[in-house]
PDB file of N, CA and C in Angstrom:
ATOM      1  N   MET A   1     -14.363   5.916 -51.140  1.00  0.00           N
ATOM      2  CA  MET A   1     -15.552   5.112 -51.304  1.00  0.00           C
ATOM      3  C   MET A   1     -15.412   3.869 -50.431  1.00  0.00           C
ATOM      4  N   VAL A   2     -16.503   3.498 -49.788  1.00  0.00           N
ATOM      5  CA  VAL A   2     -16.522   2.294 -48.960  1.00  0.00           C
ATOM      6  C   VAL A   2     -17.656   1.390 -49.427  1.00  0.00           C
ATOM      7  N   THR A   3     -17.391   0.092 -49.418  1.00  0.00           N
ATOM      8  CA  THR A   3     -18.392  -0.890 -49.811  1.00  0.00           C
ATOM      9  C   THR A   3     -19.109  -1.383 -48.563  1.00  0.00           C
ATOM     10  N   LEU A   4     -20.436  -1.312 -48.600  1.00  0.00           N
ATOM     11  CA  LEU A   4     -21.266  -1.735 -47.482  1.00  0.00           C
ATOM     12  C   LEU A   4     -22.360  -2.659 -48.006  1.00  0.00           C
ATOM     13  N   THR A   5     -23.120  -3.261 -47.091  1.00  0.00           N
ATOM     14  CA  THR A   5     -24.165  -4.203 -47.459  1.00  0.00           C
ATOM     15  C   THR A   5     -25.508  -3.714 -46.955  1.00  0.00           C
ATOM     16  N   LYS A   6     -26.446  -3.539 -47.875  1.00  0.00           N
ATOM     17  CA  LYS A   6     -27.798  -3.146 -47.483  1.00  0.00           C
ATOM     18  C   LYS A   6     -28.473  -4.314 -46.769  1.00  0.00           C
ATOM     19  N   LEU A   7     -29.560  -4.060 -46.090  1.00  0.00           N
ATOM     20  CA  LEU A   7     -30.253  -5.100 -45.328  1.00  0.00           C
ATOM     21  C   LEU A   7     -30.751  -6.238 -46.204  1.00  0.00           C
ATOM     22  N   ASN A   8     -31.013  -5.971 -47.493  1.00  0.00           N
ATOM     23  CA  ASN A   8     -31.480  -7.031 -48.388  1.00  0.00           C
ATOM     24  C   ASN A   8     -30.338  -7.861 -48.970  1.00  0.00           C
ATOM     25  N   GLY A   9     -29.092  -7.553 -48.557  1.00  0.00           N
ATOM     26  CA  GLY A   9     -27.936  -8.331 -48.980  1.00  0.00           C
ATOM     27  C   GLY A   9     -27.185  -7.780 -50.168  1.00  0.00           C
ATOM     28  N   THR A  10     -27.692  -6.745 -50.804  1.00  0.00           N
ATOM     29  CA  THR A  10     -26.976  -6.187 -51.942  1.00  0.00           C
ATOM     30  C   THR A  10     -25.857  -5.262 -51.465  1.00  0.00           C
ATOM     31  N   SER A  11     -24.772  -5.276 -52.226  1.00  0.00           N
ATOM     32  CA  SER A  11     -23.631  -4.417 -51.907  1.00  0.00           C
ATOM     33  C   SER A  11     -23.858  -3.034 -52.496  1.00  0.00           C
ATOM     34  N   ILE A  12     -23.431  -2.025 -51.757  1.00  0.00           N
ATOM     35  CA  ILE A  12     -23.465  -0.650 -52.259  1.00  0.00           C
ATOM     36  C   ILE A  12     -22.120  -0.005 -51.972  1.00  0.00           C
ATOM     37  N   VAL A  13     -21.787   0.959 -52.772  1.00  0.00           N
ATOM     38  CA  VAL A  13     -20.569   1.731 -52.557  1.00  0.00           C
ATOM     39  C   VAL A  13     -21.005   3.140 -52.179  1.00  0.00           C
ATOM     40  N   VAL A  14     -20.510   3.605 -51.040  1.00  0.00           N
ATOM     41  CA  VAL A  14     -20.906   4.909 -50.509  1.00  0.00           C
ATOM     42  C   VAL A  14     -19.691   5.824 -50.494  1.00  0.00           C
ATOM     43  N   ASN A  15     -19.897   7.059 -50.904  1.00  0.00           N
ATOM     44  CA  ASN A  15     -18.849   8.061 -50.818  1.00  0.00           C
ATOM     45  C   ASN A  15     -18.665   8.409 -49.338  1.00  0.00           C
ATOM     46  N   ALA A  16     -17.545   8.017 -48.782  1.00  0.00           N
ATOM     47  CA  ALA A  16     -17.287   8.219 -47.356  1.00  0.00           C
ATOM     48  C   ALA A  16     -17.338   9.693 -46.963  1.00  0.00           C
ATOM     49  N   GLU A  17     -17.027  10.563 -47.906  1.00  0.00           N
ATOM     50  CA  GLU A  17     -17.043  11.998 -47.624  1.00  0.00           C
ATOM     51  C   GLU A  17     -18.470  12.526 -47.457  1.00  0.00           C
ATOM     52  N   MET A  18     -19.462  11.763 -47.910  1.00  0.00           N
ATOM     53  CA  MET A  18     -20.862  12.194 -47.847  1.00  0.00           C
ATOM     54  C   MET A  18     -21.569  11.734 -46.575  1.00  0.00           C
ATOM     55  N   ILE A  19     -20.906  10.914 -45.756  1.00  0.00           N
ATOM     56  CA  ILE A  19     -21.538  10.432 -44.533  1.00  0.00           C
ATOM     57  C   ILE A  19     -21.504  11.546 -43.489  1.00  0.00           C
ATOM     58  N   GLU A  20     -22.687  11.928 -43.036  1.00  0.00           N
ATOM     59  CA  GLU A  20     -22.791  12.984 -42.030  1.00  0.00           C
ATOM     60  C   GLU A  20     -22.872  12.391 -40.629  1.00  0.00           C
ATOM     61  N   THR A  21     -23.767  11.395 -40.442  1.00  0.00           N
ATOM     62  CA  THR A  21     -23.906  10.761 -39.133  1.00  0.00           C
ATOM     63  C   THR A  21     -24.141   9.270 -39.294  1.00  0.00           C
ATOM     64  N   LEU A  22     -23.843   8.535 -38.207  1.00  0.00           N
ATOM     65  CA  LEU A  22     -24.127   7.100 -38.107  1.00  0.00           C
ATOM     66  C   LEU A  22     -24.945   6.873 -36.853  1.00  0.00           C
ATOM     67  N   GLU A  23     -25.934   5.991 -36.949  1.00  0.00           N
ATOM     68  CA  GLU A  23     -26.740   5.624 -35.787  1.00  0.00           C
ATOM     69  C   GLU A  23     -26.824   4.104 -35.724  1.00  0.00           C
ATOM     70  N   SER A  24     -26.927   3.578 -34.518  1.00  0.00           N
ATOM     71  CA  SER A  24     -27.127   2.147 -34.324  1.00  0.00           C
ATOM     72  C   SER A  24     -28.416   1.963 -33.541  1.00  0.00           C
ATOM     73  N   THR A  25     -29.469   1.410 -34.220  1.00  0.00           N
ATOM     74  CA  THR A  25     -30.806   1.420 -33.608  1.00  0.00           C
ATOM     75  C   THR A  25     -31.583   0.113 -33.693  1.00  0.00           C
ATOM     76  N   PRO A  26     -31.247  -1.102 -33.671  1.00  0.00           N
ATOM     77  CA  PRO A  26     -29.910  -1.677 -33.696  1.00  0.00           C
ATOM     78  C   PRO A  26     -29.297  -1.740 -35.085  1.00  0.00           C
ATOM     79  N   ASP A  27     -30.116  -1.568 -36.151  1.00  0.00           N
ATOM     80  CA  ASP A  27     -29.513  -1.507 -37.492  1.00  0.00           C
ATOM     81  C   ASP A  27     -28.681  -0.244 -37.594  1.00  0.00           C
ATOM     82  N   THR A  28     -27.684  -0.294 -38.457  1.00  0.00           N
ATOM     83  CA  THR A  28     -26.841   0.883 -38.654  1.00  0.00           C
ATOM     84  C   THR A  28     -27.466   1.758 -39.732  1.00  0.00           C
ATOM     85  N   ILE A  29     -27.689   3.010 -39.386  1.00  0.00           N
ATOM     86  CA  ILE A  29     -28.289   3.971 -40.308  1.00  0.00           C
ATOM     87  C   ILE A  29     -27.257   5.041 -40.626  1.00  0.00           C
ATOM     88  N   LEU A  30     -26.951   5.181 -41.919  1.00  0.00           N
ATOM     89  CA  LEU A  30     -26.082   6.258 -42.374  1.00  0.00           C
ATOM     90  C   LEU A  30     -26.974   7.400 -42.819  1.00  0.00           C
ATOM     91  N   THR A  31     -26.685   8.597 -42.371  1.00  0.00           N
ATOM     92  CA  THR A  31     -27.348   9.782 -42.895  1.00  0.00           C
ATOM     93  C   THR A  31     -26.308  10.525 -43.719  1.00  0.00           C
ATOM     94  N   LEU A  32     -26.635  10.740 -44.980  1.00  0.00           N
ATOM     95  CA  LEU A  32     -25.711  11.412 -45.879  1.00  0.00           C
ATOM     96  C   LEU A  32     -25.944  12.919 -45.846  1.00  0.00           C
ATOM     97  N   THR A  33     -25.005  13.662 -46.360  1.00  0.00           N
ATOM     98  CA  THR A  33     -25.095  15.118 -46.321  1.00  0.00           C
ATOM     99  C   THR A  33     -26.275  15.657 -47.122  1.00  0.00           C
ATOM    100  N   ASN A  34     -26.806  14.842 -48.048  1.00  0.00           N
ATOM    101  CA  ASN A  34     -27.967  15.274 -48.819  1.00  0.00           C
ATOM    102  C   ASN A  34     -29.280  14.898 -48.131  1.00  0.00           C
ATOM    103  N   GLY A  35     -29.199  14.331 -46.913  1.00  0.00           N
ATOM    104  CA  GLY A  35     -30.380  13.965 -46.147  1.00  0.00           C
ATOM    105  C   GLY A  35     -30.852  12.541 -46.354  1.00  0.00           C
ATOM    106  N   LYS A  36     -30.338  11.866 -47.368  1.00  0.00           N
ATOM    107  CA  LYS A  36     -30.732  10.483 -47.640  1.00  0.00           C
ATOM    108  C   LYS A  36     -30.229   9.585 -46.511  1.00  0.00           C
ATOM    109  N   LYS A  37     -31.055   8.596 -46.141  1.00  0.00           N
ATOM    110  CA  LYS A  37     -30.674   7.638 -45.106  1.00  0.00           C
ATOM    111  C   LYS A  37     -30.510   6.271 -45.741  1.00  0.00           C
ATOM    112  N   VAL A  38     -29.496   5.531 -45.304  1.00  0.00           N
ATOM    113  CA  VAL A  38     -29.213   4.200 -45.823  1.00  0.00           C
ATOM    114  C   VAL A  38     -29.042   3.257 -44.644  1.00  0.00           C
ATOM    115  N   LEU A  39     -29.772   2.140 -44.649  1.00  0.00           N
ATOM    116  CA  LEU A  39     -29.624   1.119 -43.620  1.00  0.00           C
ATOM    117  C   LEU A  39     -28.657   0.061 -44.127  1.00  0.00           C
ATOM    118  N   VAL A  40     -27.683  -0.294 -43.295  1.00  0.00           N
ATOM    119  CA  VAL A  40     -26.686  -1.293 -43.697  1.00  0.00           C
ATOM    120  C   VAL A  40     -26.540  -2.365 -42.624  1.00  0.00           C
ATOM    121  N   LYS A  41     -26.038  -3.538 -43.057  1.00  0.00           N
ATOM    122  CA  LYS A  41     -25.851  -4.669 -42.148  1.00  0.00           C
ATOM    123  C   LYS A  41     -24.648  -4.492 -41.226  1.00  0.00           C
ATOM    124  N   GLU A  42     -23.630  -3.781 -41.699  1.00  0.00           N
ATOM    125  CA  GLU A  42     -22.405  -3.624 -40.915  1.00  0.00           C
ATOM    126  C   GLU A  42     -22.693  -2.911 -39.599  1.00  0.00           C
ATOM    127  N   GLU A  43     -21.958  -3.312 -38.575  1.00  0.00           N
ATOM    128  CA  GLU A  43     -22.031  -2.616 -37.284  1.00  0.00           C
ATOM    129  C   GLU A  43     -21.442  -1.213 -37.451  1.00  0.00           C
ATOM    130  N   MET A  44     -21.881  -0.296 -36.608  1.00  0.00           N
ATOM    131  CA  MET A  44     -21.416   1.077 -36.690  1.00  0.00           C
ATOM    132  C   MET A  44     -19.886   1.159 -36.603  1.00  0.00           C
ATOM    133  N   ASP A  45     -19.289   0.412 -35.682  1.00  0.00           N
ATOM    134  CA  ASP A  45     -17.826   0.438 -35.542  1.00  0.00           C
ATOM    135  C   ASP A  45     -17.127  -0.037 -36.818  1.00  0.00           C
ATOM    136  N   ASP A  46     -17.718  -1.007 -37.511  1.00  0.00           N
ATOM    137  CA  ASP A  46     -17.128  -1.499 -38.757  1.00  0.00           C
ATOM    138  C   ASP A  46     -17.191  -0.439 -39.855  1.00  0.00           C
ATOM    139  N   VAL A  47     -18.281   0.314 -39.900  1.00  0.00           N
ATOM    140  CA  VAL A  47     -18.393   1.403 -40.879  1.00  0.00           C
ATOM    141  C   VAL A  47     -17.334   2.461 -40.575  1.00  0.00           C
ATOM    142  N   VAL A  48     -17.179   2.791 -39.316  1.00  0.00           N
ATOM    143  CA  VAL A  48     -16.169   3.783 -38.925  1.00  0.00           C
ATOM    144  C   VAL A  48     -14.782   3.304 -39.355  1.00  0.00           C
ATOM    145  N   LYS A  49     -14.460   2.038 -39.118  1.00  0.00           N
ATOM    146  CA  LYS A  49     -13.157   1.496 -39.515  1.00  0.00           C
ATOM    147  C   LYS A  49     -12.959   1.580 -41.022  1.00  0.00           C
ATOM    148  N   LYS A  50     -13.999   1.263 -41.783  1.00  0.00           N
ATOM    149  CA  LYS A  50     -13.890   1.341 -43.240  1.00  0.00           C
ATOM    150  C   LYS A  50     -13.648   2.772 -43.702  1.00  0.00           C
ATOM    151  N   VAL A  51     -14.316   3.719 -43.082  1.00  0.00           N
ATOM    152  CA  VAL A  51     -14.125   5.123 -43.447  1.00  0.00           C
ATOM    153  C   VAL A  51     -12.711   5.575 -43.094  1.00  0.00           C
ATOM    154  N   ILE A  52     -12.223   5.179 -41.928  1.00  0.00           N
ATOM    155  CA  ILE A  52     -10.848   5.533 -41.526  1.00  0.00           C
ATOM    156  C   ILE A  52      -9.847   4.919 -42.496  1.00  0.00           C
ATOM    157  N   ASP A  53     -10.035   3.645 -42.864  1.00  0.00           N
ATOM    158  CA  ASP A  53      -9.138   2.996 -43.825  1.00  0.00           C
ATOM    159  C   ASP A  53      -9.152   3.723 -45.166  1.00  0.00           C
ATOM    160  N   TYR A  54     -10.341   4.116 -45.609  1.00  0.00           N
ATOM    161  CA  TYR A  54     -10.472   4.858 -46.865  1.00  0.00           C
ATOM    162  C   TYR A  54      -9.685   6.170 -46.791  1.00  0.00           C
ATOM    163  N   LYS A  55      -9.866   6.891 -45.701  1.00  0.00           N
ATOM    164  CA  LYS A  55      -9.188   8.182 -45.564  1.00  0.00           C
ATOM    165  C   LYS A  55      -7.669   8.004 -45.475  1.00  0.00           C
ATOM    166  N   ARG A  56      -7.220   6.947 -44.801  1.00  0.00           N
ATOM    167  CA  ARG A  56      -5.777   6.672 -44.745  1.00  0.00           C
ATOM    168  C   ARG A  56      -5.220   6.402 -46.137  1.00  0.00           C
ATOM    169  N   ARG A  57      -5.930   5.566 -46.908  1.00  0.00           N
ATOM    170  CA  ARG A  57      -5.468   5.266 -48.270  1.00  0.00           C
ATOM    171  C   ARG A  57      -5.429   6.525 -49.116  1.00  0.00           C
ATOM    172  N   THR A  58      -6.451   7.349 -48.984  1.00  0.00           N
ATOM    173  CA  THR A  58      -6.523   8.579 -49.763  1.00  0.00           C
ATOM    174  C   THR A  58      -5.376   9.516 -49.396  1.00  0.00           C
ATOM    175  N   LEU A  59      -5.143   9.695 -48.108  1.00  0.00           N
ATOM    176  CA  LEU A  59      -4.054  10.567 -47.662  1.00  0.00           C
ATOM    177  C   LEU A  59      -2.698  10.014 -48.096  1.00  0.00           C
ATOM    178  N   LYS A  60      -2.534   8.698 -47.978  1.00  0.00           N
ATOM    179  CA  LYS A  60      -1.281   8.072 -48.394  1.00  0.00           C
ATOM    180  C   LYS A  60      -1.031   8.310 -49.879  1.00  0.00           C
ATOM    181  N   ASP A  61      -2.075   8.164 -50.699  1.00  0.00           N
ATOM    182  CA  ASP A  61      -1.947   8.404 -52.135  1.00  0.00           C
ATOM    183  C   ASP A  61      -1.612   9.861 -52.418  1.00  0.00           C
ATOM    184  N   MET A  62      -2.236  10.775 -51.681  1.00  0.00           N
ATOM    185  CA  MET A  62      -1.968  12.199 -51.886  1.00  0.00           C
ATOM    186  C   MET A  62      -0.512  12.514 -51.556  1.00  0.00           C
ATOM    187  N   ILE A  63      -0.002  11.939 -50.476  1.00  0.00           N
ATOM    188  CA  ILE A  63       1.391  12.184 -50.084  1.00  0.00           C
ATOM    189  C   ILE A  63       2.331  11.596 -51.129  1.00  0.00           C
ATOM    190  N   TYR A  64       2.016  10.383 -51.613  1.00  0.00           N
ATOM    191  CA  TYR A  64       2.850   9.727 -52.612  1.00  0.00           C
ATOM    192  C   TYR A  64       2.927  10.571 -53.882  1.00  0.00           C
ATOM    193  N   PHE A  65       1.761  11.022 -54.376  1.00  0.00           N
ATOM    194  CA  PHE A  65       1.757  11.816 -55.597  1.00  0.00           C
ATOM    195  C   PHE A  65       2.439  13.162 -55.397  1.00  0.00           C
ATOM    196  N   ARG A  66       2.338  13.722 -54.226  1.00  0.00           N
ATOM    197  CA  ARG A  66       3.013  14.995 -53.923  1.00  0.00           C
ATOM    198  C   ARG A  66       4.518  14.789 -53.965  1.00  0.00           C
ATOM    199  N   GLU A  67       5.002  13.682 -53.365  1.00  0.00           N
ATOM    200  CA  GLU A  67       6.426  13.408 -53.363  1.00  0.00           C
ATOM    201  C   GLU A  67       6.934  13.161 -54.772  1.00  0.00           C
ATOM    202  N   GLU A  68       6.135  12.483 -55.592  1.00  0.00           N
ATOM    203  CA  GLU A  68       6.510  12.244 -56.978  1.00  0.00           C
ATOM    204  C   GLU A  68       6.604  13.562 -57.747  1.00  0.00           C
ATOM    205  N   ALA A  69       5.682  14.461 -57.491  1.00  0.00           N
ATOM    206  CA  ALA A  69       5.675  15.747 -58.185  1.00  0.00           C
ATOM    207  C   ALA A  69       6.867  16.611 -57.776  1.00  0.00           C
ATOM    208  N   ASP A  70       7.273  16.498 -56.509  1.00  0.00           N
ATOM    209  CA  ASP A  70       8.398  17.286 -56.020  1.00  0.00           C
ATOM    210  C   ASP A  70       9.739  16.744 -56.482  1.00  0.00           C
ATOM    211  N   SER A  71       9.773  15.497 -56.925  1.00  0.00           N
ATOM    212  CA  SER A  71      11.048  14.881 -57.345  1.00  0.00           C
ATOM    213  C   SER A  71      11.517  15.369 -58.688  1.00  0.00           C
TER     214      SER A  71
END
Protein backbone atom coordinates (compact mmCIF):
# COMPACT_ATOMS: atom_id res chain seq x y z
CA MET A 1 0.00 0.00 0.00
CA VAL A 2 1.24 3.49 -0.84
CA THR A 3 -0.02 6.78 0.55
CA LEU A 4 -0.71 9.45 -2.06
CA THR A 5 -2.42 12.86 -2.13
CA LYS A 6 -5.50 13.60 -4.20
CA LEU A 7 -5.73 16.97 -5.95
CA ASN A 8 -8.05 18.29 -3.22
CA GLY A 9 -5.34 17.62 -0.61
CA THR A 10 -6.80 14.54 1.02
CA SER A 11 -4.56 11.54 1.58
CA ILE A 12 -5.46 8.18 0.10
CA VAL A 13 -3.90 4.77 0.42
CA VAL A 14 -3.67 2.81 -2.82
CA ASN A 15 -2.94 -0.87 -3.23
CA ALA A 16 0.27 -0.73 -5.26
CA GLU A 17 -0.53 -4.11 -6.78
CA MET A 18 -3.69 -2.62 -8.36
CA ILE A 19 -1.89 0.12 -10.32
CA GLU A 20 -1.96 -0.77 -14.00
CA THR A 21 -0.65 2.43 -15.60
CA LEU A 22 0.59 5.92 -14.70
CA GLU A 23 0.23 9.01 -16.88
CA SER A 24 1.55 12.54 -16.48
CA THR A 25 -0.74 15.02 -18.26
CA PRO A 26 0.59 17.21 -16.30
CA ASP A 27 -1.36 15.81 -13.33
CA THR A 28 -0.48 12.25 -12.45
CA ILE A 29 -3.26 9.82 -13.31
CA LEU A 30 -3.25 6.31 -11.90
CA THR A 31 -5.32 3.75 -13.76
CA LEU A 32 -6.15 0.79 -11.57
CA THR A 33 -6.74 -2.75 -12.77
CA ASN A 34 -10.48 -2.29 -12.19
CA GLY A 35 -10.51 0.66 -14.63
CA LYS A 36 -10.89 3.34 -11.96
CA LYS A 37 -8.74 6.44 -12.48
CA VAL A 38 -7.26 8.49 -9.63
CA LEU A 39 -5.61 11.90 -9.99
CA VAL A 40 -2.83 12.60 -7.49
CA LYS A 41 -0.53 15.52 -6.67
CA GLU A 42 2.65 13.43 -6.63
CA GLU A 43 4.85 13.43 -9.71
CA MET A 44 4.86 10.20 -11.69
CA ASP A 45 8.48 9.44 -10.70
CA ASP A 46 7.57 9.86 -7.01
CA VAL A 47 4.70 7.37 -7.36
CA VAL A 48 7.05 4.91 -9.03
CA LYS A 49 9.56 5.32 -6.17
CA LYS A 50 6.85 4.72 -3.58
CA VAL A 51 5.71 1.57 -5.36
CA ILE A 52 9.30 0.29 -5.60
CA ASP A 53 9.85 1.01 -1.89
CA TYR A 54 6.62 -0.82 -1.05
CA LYS A 55 7.65 -3.85 -3.10
CA ARG A 56 11.12 -3.88 -1.51
CA ARG A 57 9.61 -3.82 1.98
CA THR A 58 7.18 -6.57 1.05
CA LEU A 59 9.90 -8.77 -0.44
CA LYS A 60 12.19 -8.12 2.53
CA ASP A 61 9.41 -9.16 4.92
CA MET A 62 8.70 -12.29 2.88
CA ILE A 63 12.38 -13.29 2.97
CA TYR A 64 12.58 -12.58 6.72
CA PHE A 65 9.52 -14.70 7.50
CA ARG A 66 10.78 -17.48 5.23
CA GLU A 67 14.12 -17.52 7.05
CA GLU A 68 12.33 -17.60 10.40
CA ALA A 69 10.20 -20.53 9.26
CA ASP A 70 13.25 -22.45 8.04
CA SER A 71 15.07 -21.98 11.36
